N, C-alpha and C. Protein backbone atom coordinates (compact mmCIF):
# COMPACT_ATOMS: atom_id res chain seq x y z
N MET A 1 151.46 48.52 135.83
CA MET A 1 151.02 48.00 134.56
C MET A 1 152.25 47.69 133.70
N SER A 2 152.18 46.59 132.95
CA SER A 2 153.32 46.20 132.12
C SER A 2 153.25 46.89 130.75
N ASN A 3 154.24 46.62 129.95
CA ASN A 3 154.28 47.16 128.60
C ASN A 3 153.23 46.52 127.69
N LEU A 4 152.62 45.45 128.15
CA LEU A 4 151.61 44.76 127.36
C LEU A 4 150.46 45.69 126.99
N SER A 5 150.16 46.64 127.86
CA SER A 5 149.07 47.58 127.58
C SER A 5 149.35 48.43 126.34
N LYS A 6 150.61 48.58 125.98
CA LYS A 6 150.97 49.34 124.79
C LYS A 6 150.55 48.61 123.51
N LEU A 7 150.26 47.31 123.62
CA LEU A 7 149.87 46.52 122.46
C LEU A 7 148.36 46.49 122.25
N ALA A 8 147.63 47.08 123.18
CA ALA A 8 146.17 47.12 123.05
C ALA A 8 145.80 48.02 121.89
N ARG A 9 144.82 47.59 121.12
CA ARG A 9 144.36 48.37 119.97
C ARG A 9 143.52 49.54 120.46
N LYS A 10 143.58 50.61 119.76
CA LYS A 10 142.85 51.83 120.11
C LYS A 10 141.55 51.91 119.30
N PRO A 11 140.51 52.53 119.87
CA PRO A 11 139.27 52.73 119.11
C PRO A 11 139.56 53.54 117.85
N GLN A 12 138.78 53.27 116.81
CA GLN A 12 138.94 53.98 115.55
C GLN A 12 137.58 54.50 115.08
N GLU A 13 137.62 55.63 114.40
CA GLU A 13 136.39 56.18 113.84
C GLU A 13 136.23 55.69 112.40
N VAL A 14 134.99 55.33 112.06
CA VAL A 14 134.67 54.95 110.68
C VAL A 14 133.43 55.73 110.27
N LYS A 15 133.24 55.85 108.97
CA LYS A 15 132.03 56.49 108.45
C LYS A 15 131.22 55.44 107.72
N ILE A 16 129.97 55.29 108.12
CA ILE A 16 129.03 54.39 107.46
C ILE A 16 127.92 55.27 106.92
N SER A 17 127.82 55.36 105.63
CA SER A 17 126.80 56.19 104.97
C SER A 17 126.79 57.62 105.54
N GLY A 18 127.98 58.18 105.73
CA GLY A 18 128.10 59.55 106.21
C GLY A 18 128.00 59.73 107.71
N VAL A 19 127.74 58.63 108.46
CA VAL A 19 127.60 58.70 109.91
C VAL A 19 128.90 58.23 110.56
N LYS A 20 129.49 59.08 111.41
CA LYS A 20 130.72 58.71 112.11
C LYS A 20 130.39 57.81 113.30
N LEU A 21 131.11 56.71 113.39
CA LEU A 21 130.96 55.79 114.52
C LEU A 21 132.34 55.48 115.08
N THR A 22 132.42 55.35 116.40
CA THR A 22 133.66 54.93 117.03
C THR A 22 133.59 53.44 117.26
N ILE A 23 134.56 52.72 116.69
CA ILE A 23 134.61 51.27 116.80
C ILE A 23 135.68 50.87 117.80
N GLN A 24 135.27 50.14 118.81
CA GLN A 24 136.18 49.62 119.84
C GLN A 24 136.68 48.25 119.37
N PRO A 25 137.98 48.08 119.18
CA PRO A 25 138.49 46.77 118.78
C PRO A 25 138.19 45.73 119.86
N LEU A 26 138.00 44.49 119.43
CA LEU A 26 137.74 43.41 120.37
C LEU A 26 139.03 42.98 121.05
N GLY A 27 138.91 42.42 122.23
CA GLY A 27 140.06 41.94 122.98
C GLY A 27 139.95 40.46 123.27
N MET A 28 140.87 39.95 124.04
CA MET A 28 140.89 38.53 124.38
C MET A 28 139.61 38.10 125.10
N SER A 29 139.03 38.99 125.88
CA SER A 29 137.81 38.65 126.63
C SER A 29 136.61 38.44 125.71
N ASP A 30 136.73 38.84 124.46
CA ASP A 30 135.63 38.70 123.50
C ASP A 30 135.75 37.44 122.64
N MET A 31 136.80 36.68 122.82
CA MET A 31 137.05 35.52 121.96
C MET A 31 135.96 34.44 122.08
N ASP A 32 135.27 34.37 123.21
CA ASP A 32 134.22 33.36 123.37
C ASP A 32 133.08 33.55 122.38
N MET A 33 132.96 34.75 121.80
CA MET A 33 131.92 35.00 120.80
C MET A 33 132.13 34.15 119.56
N PHE A 34 133.34 33.68 119.37
CA PHE A 34 133.69 32.98 118.14
C PHE A 34 133.97 31.50 118.38
N GLU A 35 133.25 30.90 119.33
CA GLU A 35 133.44 29.49 119.64
C GLU A 35 133.21 28.60 118.43
N LYS A 36 132.15 28.88 117.69
CA LYS A 36 131.80 28.07 116.52
C LYS A 36 132.32 28.75 115.26
N GLY A 37 132.68 27.93 114.28
CA GLY A 37 133.01 28.47 112.97
C GLY A 37 131.71 28.84 112.27
N SER A 38 131.78 29.75 111.32
CA SER A 38 130.56 30.21 110.67
C SER A 38 129.84 29.10 109.92
N ASP A 39 130.57 28.08 109.47
CA ASP A 39 129.91 26.98 108.78
C ASP A 39 129.11 26.10 109.73
N GLU A 40 129.35 26.23 111.03
CA GLU A 40 128.63 25.45 112.04
C GLU A 40 127.43 26.21 112.60
N MET A 41 127.30 27.48 112.25
CA MET A 41 126.27 28.33 112.86
C MET A 41 124.99 28.36 112.03
N THR A 42 123.87 28.40 112.73
CA THR A 42 122.59 28.60 112.06
C THR A 42 122.46 30.07 111.73
N ASN A 43 121.51 30.42 110.87
CA ASN A 43 121.28 31.84 110.56
C ASN A 43 120.95 32.62 111.81
N GLU A 44 120.15 32.04 112.70
CA GLU A 44 119.78 32.71 113.95
C GLU A 44 121.01 32.98 114.80
N GLU A 45 121.92 32.01 114.87
CA GLU A 45 123.15 32.19 115.65
C GLU A 45 124.04 33.26 115.02
N THR A 46 124.06 33.32 113.70
CA THR A 46 124.86 34.32 113.00
C THR A 46 124.34 35.72 113.29
N VAL A 47 123.02 35.90 113.22
CA VAL A 47 122.43 37.21 113.52
C VAL A 47 122.73 37.60 114.97
N LYS A 48 122.60 36.66 115.88
CA LYS A 48 122.89 36.94 117.30
C LYS A 48 124.35 37.36 117.47
N LEU A 49 125.26 36.66 116.78
CA LEU A 49 126.68 36.99 116.86
C LEU A 49 126.95 38.39 116.33
N VAL A 50 126.36 38.72 115.19
CA VAL A 50 126.57 40.04 114.59
C VAL A 50 126.05 41.14 115.52
N LYS A 51 124.87 40.92 116.12
CA LYS A 51 124.33 41.91 117.06
C LYS A 51 125.26 42.09 118.26
N GLU A 52 125.78 40.99 118.78
CA GLU A 52 126.71 41.06 119.92
C GLU A 52 128.00 41.76 119.51
N LEU A 53 128.47 41.46 118.32
CA LEU A 53 129.68 42.08 117.79
C LEU A 53 129.51 43.59 117.70
N ILE A 54 128.36 44.03 117.18
CA ILE A 54 128.08 45.46 117.07
C ILE A 54 127.98 46.10 118.45
N LYS A 55 127.28 45.43 119.36
CA LYS A 55 127.09 45.98 120.71
C LYS A 55 128.43 46.19 121.42
N LYS A 56 129.34 45.23 121.26
CA LYS A 56 130.65 45.34 121.93
C LYS A 56 131.58 46.31 121.20
N SER A 57 131.36 46.49 119.91
CA SER A 57 132.30 47.28 119.12
C SER A 57 131.92 48.74 118.95
N VAL A 58 130.63 49.04 118.81
CA VAL A 58 130.21 50.42 118.55
C VAL A 58 129.93 51.09 119.89
N VAL A 59 130.78 52.02 120.22
CA VAL A 59 130.73 52.71 121.51
C VAL A 59 129.37 53.40 121.68
N GLY A 60 128.67 53.06 122.77
CA GLY A 60 127.41 53.72 123.10
C GLY A 60 126.18 53.17 122.39
N SER A 61 126.31 52.10 121.61
CA SER A 61 125.15 51.57 120.88
C SER A 61 124.18 50.90 121.85
N THR A 62 122.89 50.99 121.50
CA THR A 62 121.85 50.38 122.34
C THR A 62 121.23 49.21 121.60
N GLU A 63 120.57 48.35 122.35
CA GLU A 63 119.87 47.19 121.78
C GLU A 63 118.84 47.65 120.75
N GLU A 64 118.11 48.71 121.07
CA GLU A 64 117.08 49.23 120.17
C GLU A 64 117.69 49.72 118.86
N GLU A 65 118.81 50.44 118.95
CA GLU A 65 119.48 50.93 117.73
C GLU A 65 119.93 49.76 116.86
N ILE A 66 120.49 48.75 117.50
CA ILE A 66 120.98 47.59 116.76
C ILE A 66 119.82 46.86 116.08
N ASN A 67 118.73 46.67 116.81
CA ASN A 67 117.57 45.97 116.25
C ASN A 67 116.92 46.73 115.10
N ASN A 68 117.03 48.05 115.10
CA ASN A 68 116.43 48.88 114.06
C ASN A 68 117.39 49.19 112.91
N LEU A 69 118.62 48.70 113.00
CA LEU A 69 119.63 48.96 111.98
C LEU A 69 119.27 48.25 110.68
N SER A 70 119.30 48.98 109.59
CA SER A 70 119.03 48.41 108.28
C SER A 70 120.07 47.34 107.96
N MET A 71 119.63 46.25 107.35
CA MET A 71 120.53 45.16 107.00
C MET A 71 121.66 45.66 106.10
N GLU A 72 121.36 46.60 105.23
CA GLU A 72 122.37 47.18 104.33
C GLU A 72 123.53 47.75 105.14
N TYR A 73 123.22 48.50 106.19
CA TYR A 73 124.26 49.11 106.99
C TYR A 73 124.87 48.11 107.96
N MET A 74 124.11 47.10 108.36
CA MET A 74 124.65 46.07 109.24
C MET A 74 125.81 45.36 108.54
N LEU A 75 125.65 45.07 107.26
CA LEU A 75 126.72 44.41 106.51
C LEU A 75 127.96 45.30 106.43
N GLU A 76 127.73 46.57 106.12
CA GLU A 76 128.84 47.53 106.01
C GLU A 76 129.55 47.71 107.35
N LEU A 77 128.76 47.79 108.42
CA LEU A 77 129.31 47.95 109.76
C LEU A 77 130.09 46.72 110.18
N GLN A 78 129.55 45.55 109.90
CA GLN A 78 130.25 44.32 110.26
C GLN A 78 131.60 44.24 109.54
N GLU A 79 131.63 44.62 108.29
CA GLU A 79 132.89 44.61 107.54
C GLU A 79 133.90 45.57 108.16
N ALA A 80 133.44 46.75 108.57
CA ALA A 80 134.34 47.74 109.19
C ALA A 80 134.89 47.19 110.50
N ILE A 81 134.03 46.56 111.30
CA ILE A 81 134.46 45.98 112.59
C ILE A 81 135.50 44.89 112.35
N MET A 82 135.24 44.02 111.39
CA MET A 82 136.16 42.93 111.13
C MET A 82 137.50 43.45 110.60
N LYS A 83 137.44 44.49 109.78
CA LYS A 83 138.68 45.08 109.24
C LYS A 83 139.51 45.69 110.37
N ILE A 84 138.87 46.43 111.26
CA ILE A 84 139.57 47.05 112.38
C ILE A 84 140.23 46.00 113.27
N ASN A 85 139.60 44.83 113.35
CA ASN A 85 140.13 43.74 114.17
C ASN A 85 141.06 42.80 113.40
N ASN A 86 141.44 43.23 112.18
CA ASN A 86 142.36 42.45 111.34
C ASN A 86 141.89 41.03 111.08
N VAL A 87 140.60 40.88 110.85
CA VAL A 87 140.06 39.56 110.51
C VAL A 87 140.37 39.29 109.05
N ASP A 88 140.74 38.07 108.76
CA ASP A 88 141.08 37.63 107.41
C ASP A 88 140.00 38.04 106.41
N GLU A 89 140.40 38.56 105.27
CA GLU A 89 139.48 39.04 104.23
C GLU A 89 138.52 37.95 103.77
N ASP A 90 138.99 36.71 103.70
CA ASP A 90 138.11 35.60 103.29
C ASP A 90 136.99 35.39 104.30
N LYS A 91 137.29 35.57 105.58
CA LYS A 91 136.26 35.42 106.61
C LYS A 91 135.24 36.55 106.50
N VAL A 92 135.70 37.74 106.15
CA VAL A 92 134.79 38.87 105.95
C VAL A 92 133.82 38.54 104.81
N LYS A 93 134.35 38.03 103.71
CA LYS A 93 133.52 37.67 102.56
C LYS A 93 132.53 36.56 102.92
N GLU A 94 132.99 35.60 103.73
CA GLU A 94 132.15 34.49 104.16
C GLU A 94 130.98 35.00 105.00
N LYS A 95 131.26 35.88 105.94
CA LYS A 95 130.20 36.45 106.80
C LYS A 95 129.23 37.27 105.97
N ARG A 96 129.75 38.03 105.01
CA ARG A 96 128.88 38.84 104.16
C ARG A 96 127.91 37.94 103.40
N LYS A 97 128.42 36.84 102.88
CA LYS A 97 127.58 35.91 102.12
C LYS A 97 126.44 35.39 103.00
N VAL A 98 126.75 34.98 104.22
CA VAL A 98 125.73 34.46 105.14
C VAL A 98 124.69 35.54 105.44
N LEU A 99 125.13 36.76 105.72
CA LEU A 99 124.20 37.83 106.04
C LEU A 99 123.36 38.23 104.82
N GLU A 100 123.95 38.17 103.65
CA GLU A 100 123.18 38.47 102.44
C GLU A 100 122.09 37.41 102.21
N GLU A 101 122.41 36.15 102.54
CA GLU A 101 121.41 35.08 102.45
C GLU A 101 120.26 35.33 103.43
N ILE A 102 120.61 35.76 104.64
CA ILE A 102 119.58 36.06 105.64
C ILE A 102 118.73 37.22 105.16
N LYS A 103 119.37 38.26 104.61
CA LYS A 103 118.64 39.42 104.10
C LYS A 103 117.68 39.01 102.98
N ALA A 104 118.16 38.15 102.09
CA ALA A 104 117.30 37.68 100.99
C ALA A 104 116.11 36.91 101.52
N GLU A 105 116.32 36.09 102.55
CA GLU A 105 115.21 35.36 103.18
C GLU A 105 114.20 36.33 103.77
N GLN A 106 114.71 37.35 104.48
CA GLN A 106 113.83 38.34 105.11
C GLN A 106 113.07 39.12 104.05
N ASP A 107 113.74 39.49 102.98
CA ASP A 107 113.08 40.23 101.89
C ASP A 107 111.98 39.38 101.25
N GLY A 108 112.26 38.07 101.11
CA GLY A 108 111.28 37.16 100.54
C GLY A 108 110.07 36.99 101.41
N GLN A 109 110.26 37.02 102.73
CA GLN A 109 109.16 36.88 103.68
C GLN A 109 108.31 38.14 103.72
N ALA A 110 108.94 39.29 103.48
CA ALA A 110 108.23 40.56 103.54
C ALA A 110 107.36 40.78 102.30
N ALA A 111 107.71 40.12 101.21
CA ALA A 111 106.96 40.31 99.95
C ALA A 111 105.61 39.62 99.96
């Protein structure tokens, strides 16, 4: 193995609403998740991307857990994942805005 492995990011623990989660940083093999820019994505594609992002990042997470995750915590978790992966702060704000719009739509449909 070369010295390149020394540059790999290590998993980090974060607390979301008092719950400790281990976040696995994304690698080069995960770059295909970001083929489209967020301005090109539909709300459905954005939700799918966020679910995939959580599945790849949160060690041991299941499809059922992700589907039952409150939107409030999904936003917080997504921000933690993006921060761990050194994603530009403006992109984090952009994603939050899109997810908040989706949440507002869902809240409006539930009423």
